[in-house]
Amino acid sequence: MTTLNIKIETLELGHAKEMSKIAKEPVTAKLYENQDLFLFGSELACLRISQANRNKETKVNYSENLKTFYVAIYSGK
């Protein structure tokens, strides 16, 4: 039996690439241990991603610390 060992960074890059297609511009991703996904980019990019994931719990906000908008897609865990 083969075990898959995928690094978090690889998953984040994959999410960023796929969500950038939805956002129609580059975004960056951060995946947390509880599998909540945070994507960082322009306000419009975050709103597009939120709308595309409207069947999931999402939140769009501005991070004062990072000086950028983000969309959080919650895993429900």
C-alpha atoms as a PDB file:
ATOM      1  CA  MET A   1       0.000   0.000   0.000  1.00  0.00           C
ATOM      2  CA  THR A   2       1.391   3.398  -0.993  1.00  0.00           C
ATOM      3  CA  THR A   3       1.070   6.291   1.431  1.00  0.00           C
ATOM      4  CA  LEU A   4       0.670   9.795   0.065  1.00  0.00           C
ATOM      5  CA  ASN A   5       2.799  12.390   1.759  1.00  0.00           C
ATOM      6  CA  ILE A   6       1.800  15.767   0.366  1.00  0.00           C
ATOM      7  CA  LYS A   7       3.385  18.826   1.905  1.00  0.00           C
ATOM      8  CA  ILE A   8       1.208  21.715   3.052  1.00  0.00           C
ATOM      9  CA  GLU A   9       3.135  24.062   0.749  1.00  0.00           C
ATOM     10  CA  THR A  10       2.210  21.911  -2.247  1.00  0.00           C
ATOM     11  CA  LEU A  11      -1.465  22.009  -1.282  1.00  0.00           C
ATOM     12  CA  GLU A  12      -1.308  25.779  -0.795  1.00  0.00           C
ATOM     13  CA  LEU A  13       0.246  26.270  -4.230  1.00  0.00           C
ATOM     14  CA  GLY A  14      -2.426  24.069  -5.792  1.00  0.00           C
ATOM     15  CA  HIS A  15      -5.250  25.965  -4.074  1.00  0.00           C
ATOM     16  CA  ALA A  16      -3.714  29.304  -5.064  1.00  0.00           C
ATOM     17  CA  LYS A  17      -3.431  28.219  -8.694  1.00  0.00           C
ATOM     18  CA  GLU A  18      -7.033  26.980  -8.894  1.00  0.00           C
ATOM     19  CA  MET A  19      -8.512  29.938  -7.011  1.00  0.00           C
ATOM     20  CA  SER A  20      -6.509  32.375  -9.140  1.00  0.00           C
ATOM     21  CA  LYS A  21      -8.477  31.067 -12.115  1.00  0.00           C
ATOM     22  CA  ILE A  22     -11.741  31.877 -10.335  1.00  0.00           C
ATOM     23  CA  ALA A  23     -10.436  35.253  -9.147  1.00  0.00           C
ATOM     24  CA  LYS A  24      -9.100  36.105 -12.616  1.00  0.00           C
ATOM     25  CA  GLU A  25      -5.898  37.369 -10.969  1.00  0.00           C
ATOM     26  CA  PRO A  26      -3.139  35.944  -8.762  1.00  0.00           C
ATOM     27  CA  VAL A  27      -3.911  35.072  -5.137  1.00  0.00           C
ATOM     28  CA  THR A  28      -1.877  33.364  -2.444  1.00  0.00           C
ATOM     29  CA  ALA A  29      -3.142  30.630  -0.121  1.00  0.00           C
ATOM     30  CA  LYS A  30      -2.587  29.537   3.468  1.00  0.00           C
ATOM     31  CA  LEU A  31      -4.024  26.225   4.669  1.00  0.00           C
ATOM     32  CA  TYR A  32      -4.343  25.722   8.420  1.00  0.00           C
ATOM     33  CA  GLU A  33      -4.309  22.479  10.432  1.00  0.00           C
ATOM     34  CA  ASN A  34      -8.094  22.491  10.801  1.00  0.00           C
ATOM     35  CA  GLN A  35      -8.240  22.665   6.975  1.00  0.00           C
ATOM     36  CA  ASP A  36      -9.568  26.237   6.868  1.00  0.00           C
ATOM     37  CA  LEU A  37      -8.299  27.897   3.705  1.00  0.00           C
ATOM     38  CA  PHE A  38      -7.335  31.574   3.600  1.00  0.00           C
ATOM     39  CA  LEU A  39      -6.686  33.235   0.240  1.00  0.00           C
ATOM     40  CA  PHE A  40      -5.058  36.649  -0.046  1.00  0.00           C
ATOM     41  CA  GLY A  41      -5.471  39.117  -2.907  1.00  0.00           C
ATOM     42  CA  SER A  42      -7.422  42.143  -4.053  1.00  0.00           C
ATOM     43  CA  GLU A  43     -10.903  42.868  -2.747  1.00  0.00           C
ATOM     44  CA  LEU A  44     -12.461  41.942  -6.086  1.00  0.00           C
ATOM     45  CA  ALA A  45     -10.525  38.667  -6.261  1.00  0.00           C
ATOM     46  CA  CYS A  46     -11.685  37.722  -2.768  1.00  0.00           C
ATOM     47  CA  LEU A  47     -15.302  38.593  -3.574  1.00  0.00           C
ATOM     48  CA  ARG A  48     -15.184  36.469  -6.725  1.00  0.00           C
ATOM     49  CA  ILE A  49     -13.831  33.493  -4.771  1.00  0.00           C
ATOM     50  CA  SER A  50     -16.424  33.959  -2.044  1.00  0.00           C
ATOM     51  CA  GLN A  51     -19.231  34.061  -4.597  1.00  0.00           C
ATOM     52  CA  ALA A  52     -17.940  30.931  -6.325  1.00  0.00           C
ATOM     53  CA  ASN A  53     -17.900  29.137  -2.939  1.00  0.00           C
ATOM     54  CA  ARG A  54     -21.235  30.430  -1.684  1.00  0.00           C
ATOM     55  CA  ASN A  55     -22.337  26.926  -0.679  1.00  0.00           C
ATOM     56  CA  LYS A  56     -19.578  26.962   1.985  1.00  0.00           C
ATOM     57  CA  GLU A  57     -19.092  29.266   4.947  1.00  0.00           C
ATOM     58  CA  THR A  58     -16.831  32.106   3.768  1.00  0.00           C
ATOM     59  CA  LYS A  59     -15.725  35.486   5.060  1.00  0.00           C
ATOM     60  CA  VAL A  60     -14.150  38.364   3.130  1.00  0.00           C
ATOM     61  CA  ASN A  61     -12.280  40.967   5.133  1.00  0.00           C
ATOM     62  CA  TYR A  62      -9.243  43.268   5.157  1.00  0.00           C
ATOM     63  CA  SER A  63      -6.175  42.366   7.213  1.00  0.00           C
ATOM     64  CA  GLU A  64      -4.639  45.450   8.793  1.00  0.00           C
ATOM     65  CA  ASN A  65      -1.525  43.449   9.706  1.00  0.00           C
ATOM     66  CA  LEU A  66      -0.944  42.110   6.196  1.00  0.00           C
ATOM     67  CA  LYS A  67      -2.370  45.172   4.397  1.00  0.00           C
ATOM     68  CA  THR A  68      -4.395  43.008   2.005  1.00  0.00           C
ATOM     69  CA  PHE A  69      -7.832  41.501   1.582  1.00  0.00           C
ATOM     70  CA  TYR A  70      -8.507  37.855   2.308  1.00  0.00           C
ATOM     71  CA  VAL A  71     -11.271  35.328   1.927  1.00  0.00           C
ATOM     72  CA  ALA A  72     -11.572  32.574   4.515  1.00  0.00           C
ATOM     73  CA  ILE A  73     -13.201  29.337   3.408  1.00  0.00           C
ATOM     74  CA  TYR A  74     -14.071  27.369   6.517  1.00  0.00           C
ATOM     75  CA  SER A  75     -13.878  23.595   6.531  1.00  0.00           C
ATOM     76  CA  GLY A  76     -16.462  23.151   9.274  1.00  0.00           C
ATOM     77  CA  LYS A  77     -14.073  21.094  11.411  1.00  0.00           C
END
